């Protein structure tokens, strides 16, 4: 193996780890309120096993079998479909996309000419299946950048997610294979049922009790994460931002952009600091859009948005899950890199710069060890991957606020249970307790 010093080794073995799935998520919109704690009610599930964990609903495989295009039926709702990989785009988020494929260039031209400015986006599973519940992207802004990028990218487009829909039928499935044009789907809009009518034992009282528990568990998680100085972790200033009163009121959340804080947290290993962004926003009146490939916090709406602070909290947890995944990947790559450098530099006694341009060899046992470490990192990331998609796609297919609250409670309670176990281990064994 030939080496060019530390940078090449970092790139090579980071690449081995990064061959796993790429993960991206949107940002959150938060509101500031005062926390009101309440004891757990007997009728409210307090065990994670009692909370809903529904299977992800996907389109039947037959819907994607090649066949002649189906004409649009009178009175049906049809959207272009843009499958965007293993990412769940939640309501009330904004996203910036770079458009370069000819079929999607045509899609944007068509939605602008028709005046709809909207298309559906669905998650695609590892087996190629399409999730049945999708987001509707509304195009806010389009920039022509072909000249600046030498036509590698045609458009840079900013969107907001305005609502959810259920995919009923793919009108032209053959286009997915031959890439001749974009897909078109017949959909129906997803409307929440009142908690008093929705399935799963929902009622206004039980939903309110679940919201109380959700907010209390969120605050507990913030406290425990910071007591262990975990990386990543939520800022202590987030404590009390989500309250039962503000969630039950169903009023629009104050807008904010936490992407800068999240990115800074990943770089410096500091906490997510959302409260300062909220304070700044209250002074300025609005938050700027962060134009990134991952997305941003939603601002005003040009279409019917689902105003529910449960979505804001879900988006925050989705961002946290992504940061945690990135941290695990970085740690794995660093461990592999350090093992190699320790051998090549004889535990630091040889300067890395002196290795540049030399033919570097590693023994078979070290190569085997590095391969095992790489496989372990990949397995760990694969095990974590569902935390980025499954609960959030479950939220997408929910039919009531009460159901969403209980699905999100499972996410928060799982983290709380992990931290409490860590706390118990620390009490028994001291600071040597594991993660």
Foldseek 3Di string as FASTA:
>chain_A
DADAFQVRLLVVLLVLQVVFDDDFAFAFFFFADFADADDQDPVADPDLVLFDQDDFAFDPPVLLPADPFADDDPPFDKFFEDEDEQAAYFAQFKAKAFAQQPQVVVNCVVCVVVVVQKHWYFYADPVRITGQKTWIWHWDDWDACCVVVVSNTGIITMTHTAFMKGFDHWRGSVCVVVVPHTIMTTIGGAAADEQCPDPDPGDPVNLLSLQSVLLVLVLLQQVLCVVLLDFEGAHNLCRRRRYSVVQVVLDAHAGFWQPVQLVVCLVPVHYRDCNVRSVVCVVVVHYDWDHDRRTTGHDDDPDHHRRGCLSSVVSNQLSVLSSVLVVLSVVLSVVLSVLVCCVVCVHVVRDSNVSRPPGDDDDPVNVVVSVVSSVVSNVVSVVSVCSNHSLSSVLSPDRHPSSSSSSVSSVSVVSSVVSVVQVVQCVVPNPVGDD
